[in-house]
Amino acid sequence: MQPLFEPIKYDPHAQKRRHKASFSQHLALESTFLIVPKPLRVTQEQLAAQLGMSLRSVQIWFQNRRAKQRAKYHAKPKPLPCAVPEFSIAYLTGHIPQENPSQKQ
């Protein structure tokens, strides 16, 4: 006789699939973040229920968004890449060397 079902094998090291928030979920989360960057648990529960997401995924979204905001605030401006640095510095400072007609022979 065959068993009615096969036992599910639990693998604690198996990776779970990530679920990316949809565009409409992202808009709702982002608009809430602009008003309240750190919402109360009740607000998070309401958002999760309205958006069809788990409470944990809403919590993680807000945590990641706050980290993104902090990283942007503390980010140092990156220097512009240039092929010829001497010319770029001269151009930016306004000291572009001019040809001297007396030196031409």
N, C-alpha and C. Protein backbone atom coordinates (compact mmCIF):
# COMPACT_ATOMS: atom_id res chain seq x y z
N MET A 1 0.83 -1.18 0.00
CA MET A 1 0.00 0.00 0.00
C MET A 1 0.88 1.26 0.00
N GLN A 2 0.52 2.25 -0.82
CA GLN A 2 1.28 3.48 -0.93
C GLN A 2 0.84 4.46 0.16
N PRO A 3 1.80 5.26 0.66
CA PRO A 3 1.41 6.28 1.65
C PRO A 3 0.58 7.37 0.97
N LEU A 4 -0.28 8.01 1.73
CA LEU A 4 -1.13 9.06 1.19
C LEU A 4 -0.34 10.32 0.82
N PHE A 5 0.73 10.53 1.50
CA PHE A 5 1.55 11.70 1.22
C PHE A 5 3.00 11.39 1.54
N GLU A 6 3.88 12.15 0.93
CA GLU A 6 5.30 11.99 1.22
C GLU A 6 5.68 13.00 2.30
N PRO A 7 6.50 12.60 3.23
CA PRO A 7 6.91 13.55 4.27
C PRO A 7 7.78 14.65 3.66
N ILE A 8 7.59 15.84 4.16
CA ILE A 8 8.35 16.99 3.69
C ILE A 8 9.69 16.97 4.41
N LYS A 9 10.75 17.05 3.64
CA LYS A 9 12.08 17.07 4.23
C LYS A 9 12.47 18.51 4.51
N TYR A 10 12.80 18.77 5.74
CA TYR A 10 13.19 20.12 6.15
C TYR A 10 14.69 20.28 6.02
N ASP A 11 15.10 21.30 5.30
CA ASP A 11 16.52 21.60 5.15
C ASP A 11 16.75 23.01 5.71
N PRO A 12 17.39 23.12 6.88
CA PRO A 12 17.58 24.45 7.47
C PRO A 12 18.53 25.34 6.67
N HIS A 13 19.32 24.74 5.79
CA HIS A 13 20.28 25.52 5.01
C HIS A 13 19.76 25.90 3.63
N ALA A 14 18.57 25.43 3.29
CA ALA A 14 18.00 25.77 1.98
C ALA A 14 17.63 27.25 1.96
N GLN A 15 17.94 27.92 0.85
CA GLN A 15 17.62 29.34 0.74
C GLN A 15 16.15 29.51 0.41
N LYS A 16 15.56 30.49 1.07
CA LYS A 16 14.17 30.81 0.79
C LYS A 16 14.14 31.85 -0.33
N ARG A 17 13.08 31.83 -1.11
CA ARG A 17 12.97 32.77 -2.21
C ARG A 17 12.62 34.16 -1.69
N ARG A 18 13.25 35.15 -2.31
CA ARG A 18 12.95 36.54 -1.97
C ARG A 18 11.72 36.98 -2.73
N HIS A 19 10.90 37.77 -2.09
CA HIS A 19 9.73 38.33 -2.75
C HIS A 19 9.90 39.84 -2.79
N LYS A 20 9.99 40.35 -3.99
CA LYS A 20 10.15 41.78 -4.18
C LYS A 20 8.78 42.45 -4.12
N ALA A 21 8.72 43.61 -3.48
CA ALA A 21 7.46 44.34 -3.38
C ALA A 21 7.04 44.82 -4.78
N SER A 22 5.75 44.74 -5.05
CA SER A 22 5.25 45.19 -6.35
C SER A 22 5.29 46.72 -6.40
N PHE A 23 5.05 47.26 -7.57
CA PHE A 23 5.10 48.72 -7.75
C PHE A 23 4.09 49.42 -6.84
N SER A 24 2.87 48.90 -6.77
CA SER A 24 1.85 49.54 -5.93
C SER A 24 2.20 49.41 -4.44
N GLN A 25 2.76 48.26 -4.04
CA GLN A 25 3.19 48.10 -2.66
C GLN A 25 4.32 49.07 -2.34
N HIS A 26 5.25 49.20 -3.28
CA HIS A 26 6.38 50.11 -3.09
C HIS A 26 5.89 51.55 -2.93
N LEU A 27 4.94 51.96 -3.76
CA LEU A 27 4.40 53.32 -3.66
C LEU A 27 3.76 53.57 -2.30
N ALA A 28 2.98 52.61 -1.83
CA ALA A 28 2.32 52.76 -0.53
C ALA A 28 3.35 52.82 0.59
N LEU A 29 4.34 51.96 0.54
CA LEU A 29 5.38 51.96 1.58
C LEU A 29 6.20 53.24 1.54
N GLU A 30 6.55 53.69 0.35
CA GLU A 30 7.36 54.90 0.20
C GLU A 30 6.59 56.13 0.68
N SER A 31 5.30 56.22 0.33
CA SER A 31 4.51 57.38 0.77
C SER A 31 4.35 57.39 2.29
N THR A 32 4.22 56.21 2.89
CA THR A 32 4.14 56.13 4.34
C THR A 32 5.48 56.53 4.95
N PHE A 33 6.57 56.10 4.35
CA PHE A 33 7.90 56.41 4.86
C PHE A 33 8.15 57.92 4.88
N LEU A 34 7.67 58.62 3.84
CA LEU A 34 7.87 60.07 3.78
C LEU A 34 7.18 60.79 4.94
N ILE A 35 6.09 60.21 5.42
CA ILE A 35 5.35 60.81 6.54
C ILE A 35 5.93 60.33 7.86
N VAL A 36 6.12 59.01 7.98
CA VAL A 36 6.58 58.40 9.23
C VAL A 36 7.71 57.41 8.89
N PRO A 37 8.98 57.81 9.07
CA PRO A 37 10.08 56.90 8.74
C PRO A 37 10.17 55.68 9.66
N LYS A 38 9.63 55.81 10.88
CA LYS A 38 9.68 54.69 11.82
C LYS A 38 8.27 54.47 12.38
N PRO A 39 7.39 53.81 11.60
CA PRO A 39 6.00 53.66 12.04
C PRO A 39 5.86 52.70 13.22
N LEU A 40 4.80 52.92 13.98
CA LEU A 40 4.49 52.03 15.10
C LEU A 40 4.10 50.66 14.58
N ARG A 41 4.13 49.68 15.46
CA ARG A 41 3.79 48.31 15.08
C ARG A 41 2.36 48.22 14.54
N VAL A 42 1.46 48.98 15.14
CA VAL A 42 0.06 48.97 14.68
C VAL A 42 -0.02 49.43 13.23
N THR A 43 0.71 50.48 12.90
CA THR A 43 0.72 50.98 11.53
C THR A 43 1.33 49.96 10.59
N GLN A 44 2.40 49.31 11.03
CA GLN A 44 3.03 48.28 10.21
C GLN A 44 2.07 47.12 9.96
N GLU A 45 1.33 46.73 10.99
CA GLU A 45 0.35 45.64 10.84
C GLU A 45 -0.75 46.03 9.86
N GLN A 46 -1.22 47.28 9.95
CA GLN A 46 -2.25 47.75 9.02
C GLN A 46 -1.73 47.75 7.59
N LEU A 47 -0.51 48.25 7.41
CA LEU A 47 0.09 48.25 6.07
C LEU A 47 0.22 46.84 5.52
N ALA A 48 0.70 45.93 6.35
CA ALA A 48 0.88 44.55 5.93
C ALA A 48 -0.45 43.94 5.48
N ALA A 49 -1.50 44.19 6.25
CA ALA A 49 -2.82 43.65 5.91
C ALA A 49 -3.35 44.27 4.61
N GLN A 50 -3.19 45.59 4.46
CA GLN A 50 -3.69 46.28 3.27
C GLN A 50 -2.93 45.87 2.01
N LEU A 51 -1.63 45.64 2.16
CA LEU A 51 -0.80 45.36 0.98
C LEU A 51 -0.63 43.87 0.69
N GLY A 52 -1.14 43.03 1.58
CA GLY A 52 -1.00 41.59 1.38
C GLY A 52 0.42 41.11 1.59
N MET A 53 1.11 41.76 2.50
CA MET A 53 2.49 41.39 2.82
C MET A 53 2.54 40.88 4.26
N SER A 54 3.62 40.19 4.59
CA SER A 54 3.79 39.77 5.98
C SER A 54 4.28 40.96 6.80
N LEU A 55 4.00 40.92 8.08
CA LEU A 55 4.46 41.99 8.98
C LEU A 55 5.99 42.07 8.93
N ARG A 56 6.64 40.93 8.90
CA ARG A 56 8.10 40.90 8.88
C ARG A 56 8.66 41.57 7.63
N SER A 57 8.04 41.36 6.48
CA SER A 57 8.54 41.97 5.25
C SER A 57 8.36 43.49 5.28
N VAL A 58 7.28 43.96 5.90
CA VAL A 58 7.07 45.41 6.04
C VAL A 58 8.14 45.98 6.98
N GLN A 59 8.40 45.30 8.08
CA GLN A 59 9.43 45.75 9.01
C GLN A 59 10.79 45.83 8.34
N ILE A 60 11.12 44.81 7.58
CA ILE A 60 12.41 44.77 6.89
C ILE A 60 12.48 45.88 5.84
N TRP A 61 11.38 46.14 5.13
CA TRP A 61 11.37 47.19 4.12
C TRP A 61 11.70 48.53 4.77
N PHE A 62 11.06 48.85 5.89
CA PHE A 62 11.31 50.13 6.57
C PHE A 62 12.74 50.18 7.10
N GLN A 63 13.23 49.08 7.63
CA GLN A 63 14.59 49.02 8.13
C GLN A 63 15.59 49.29 7.00
N ASN A 64 15.39 48.66 5.85
CA ASN A 64 16.27 48.86 4.71
C ASN A 64 16.18 50.28 4.16
N ARG A 65 14.98 50.84 4.16
CA ARG A 65 14.79 52.20 3.63
C ARG A 65 15.47 53.23 4.53
N ARG A 66 15.40 53.03 5.85
CA ARG A 66 16.10 53.93 6.75
C ARG A 66 17.62 53.82 6.56
N ALA A 67 18.11 52.62 6.36
CA ALA A 67 19.54 52.42 6.10
C ALA A 67 19.96 53.10 4.81
N LYS A 68 19.12 53.03 3.80
CA LYS A 68 19.40 53.68 2.52
C LYS A 68 19.47 55.19 2.70
N GLN A 69 18.55 55.74 3.50
CA GLN A 69 18.53 57.18 3.75
C GLN A 69 19.79 57.62 4.51
N ARG A 70 20.20 56.83 5.50
CA ARG A 70 21.42 57.15 6.25
C ARG A 70 22.65 57.08 5.34
N ALA A 71 22.70 56.08 4.48
CA ALA A 71 23.85 55.92 3.58
C ALA A 71 23.93 57.10 2.61
N LYS A 72 22.80 57.55 2.11
CA LYS A 72 22.80 58.70 1.20
C LYS A 72 23.26 59.96 1.92
N TYR A 73 22.86 60.11 3.18
CA TYR A 73 23.22 61.30 3.95
C TYR A 73 24.71 61.34 4.22
N HIS A 74 25.30 60.19 4.51
CA HIS A 74 26.71 60.12 4.87
C HIS A 74 27.64 59.88 3.69
N ALA A 75 27.10 59.71 2.51
CA ALA A 75 27.92 59.40 1.34
C ALA A 75 28.79 60.60 0.97
N LYS A 76 30.03 60.31 0.63
CA LYS A 76 30.94 61.35 0.19
C LYS A 76 30.77 61.52 -1.31
N PRO A 77 30.85 62.76 -1.79
CA PRO A 77 30.76 62.94 -3.24
C PRO A 77 31.96 62.29 -3.93
N LYS A 78 31.69 61.59 -5.01
CA LYS A 78 32.74 60.89 -5.75
C LYS A 78 33.35 61.84 -6.75
N PRO A 79 34.67 61.77 -6.90
CA PRO A 79 35.30 62.64 -7.91
C PRO A 79 34.90 62.20 -9.31
N LEU A 80 34.83 63.16 -10.18
CA LEU A 80 34.47 62.87 -11.56
C LEU A 80 35.64 62.20 -12.26
N PRO A 81 35.38 61.13 -13.00
CA PRO A 81 36.47 60.50 -13.74
C PRO A 81 36.87 61.38 -14.92
N CYS A 82 38.15 61.49 -15.15
CA CYS A 82 38.60 62.28 -16.29
C CYS A 82 39.83 61.63 -16.89
N ALA A 83 39.99 61.83 -18.17
CA ALA A 83 41.10 61.21 -18.89
C ALA A 83 42.40 61.96 -18.63
N VAL A 84 42.34 63.28 -18.57
CA VAL A 84 43.53 64.09 -18.37
C VAL A 84 43.31 64.97 -17.14
N PRO A 85 43.77 64.53 -15.97
CA PRO A 85 43.49 65.28 -14.74
C PRO A 85 44.05 66.69 -14.75
N GLU A 86 45.26 66.90 -15.32
CA GLU A 86 45.84 68.25 -15.29
C GLU A 86 44.95 69.25 -16.03
N PHE A 87 44.46 68.83 -17.19
CA PHE A 87 43.62 69.73 -17.96
C PHE A 87 42.32 70.00 -17.22
N SER A 88 41.75 68.96 -16.59
CA SER A 88 40.49 69.13 -15.89
C SER A 88 40.63 70.10 -14.73
N ILE A 89 41.73 69.99 -13.98
CA ILE A 89 41.95 70.89 -12.85
C ILE A 89 42.14 72.31 -13.36
N ALA A 90 42.91 72.44 -14.43
CA ALA A 90 43.13 73.76 -15.00
C ALA A 90 41.82 74.36 -15.50
N TYR A 91 41.00 73.55 -16.13
CA TYR A 91 39.73 74.03 -16.66
C TYR A 91 38.81 74.46 -15.52
N LEU A 92 38.75 73.65 -14.48
CA LEU A 92 37.85 73.94 -13.37
C LEU A 92 38.29 75.18 -12.59
N THR A 93 39.58 75.40 -12.49
CA THR A 93 40.07 76.57 -11.75
C THR A 93 40.11 77.81 -12.64
N GLY A 94 39.92 77.64 -13.93
CA GLY A 94 39.92 78.79 -14.84
C GLY A 94 41.30 79.20 -15.29
N HIS A 95 42.31 78.38 -15.03
CA HIS A 95 43.68 78.70 -15.42
C HIS A 95 44.08 77.87 -16.62
N ILE A 96 43.49 78.20 -17.75
CA ILE A 96 43.81 77.47 -18.98
C ILE A 96 45.02 78.14 -19.61
N PRO A 97 46.08 77.39 -19.81
CA PRO A 97 47.28 78.01 -20.39
C PRO A 97 47.02 78.49 -21.82
N GLN A 98 47.46 79.68 -22.09
CA GLN A 98 47.31 80.26 -23.43
C GLN A 98 48.63 80.15 -24.16
N GLU A 99 48.54 80.01 -25.47
CA GLU A 99 49.75 79.97 -26.28
C GLU A 99 50.36 81.38 -26.32
N ASN A 100 51.63 81.42 -26.13
CA ASN A 100 52.34 82.70 -26.16
C ASN A 100 52.90 82.91 -27.57
N PRO A 101 52.45 83.93 -28.31
CA PRO A 101 52.91 84.12 -29.69
C PRO A 101 54.40 84.40 -29.79
N SER A 102 55.02 84.93 -28.74
CA SER A 102 56.44 85.24 -28.81
C SER A 102 57.30 83.98 -28.77
N GLN A 103 56.74 82.86 -28.26
CA GLN A 103 57.49 81.62 -28.18
C GLN A 103 57.47 80.86 -29.49
N LYS A 104 56.55 81.18 -30.39
CA LYS A 104 56.48 80.49 -31.69
C LYS A 104 57.60 80.98 -32.59
N GLN A 105 58.25 80.07 -33.28
CA GLN A 105 59.32 80.48 -34.21
C GLN A 105 59.21 79.74 -35.50
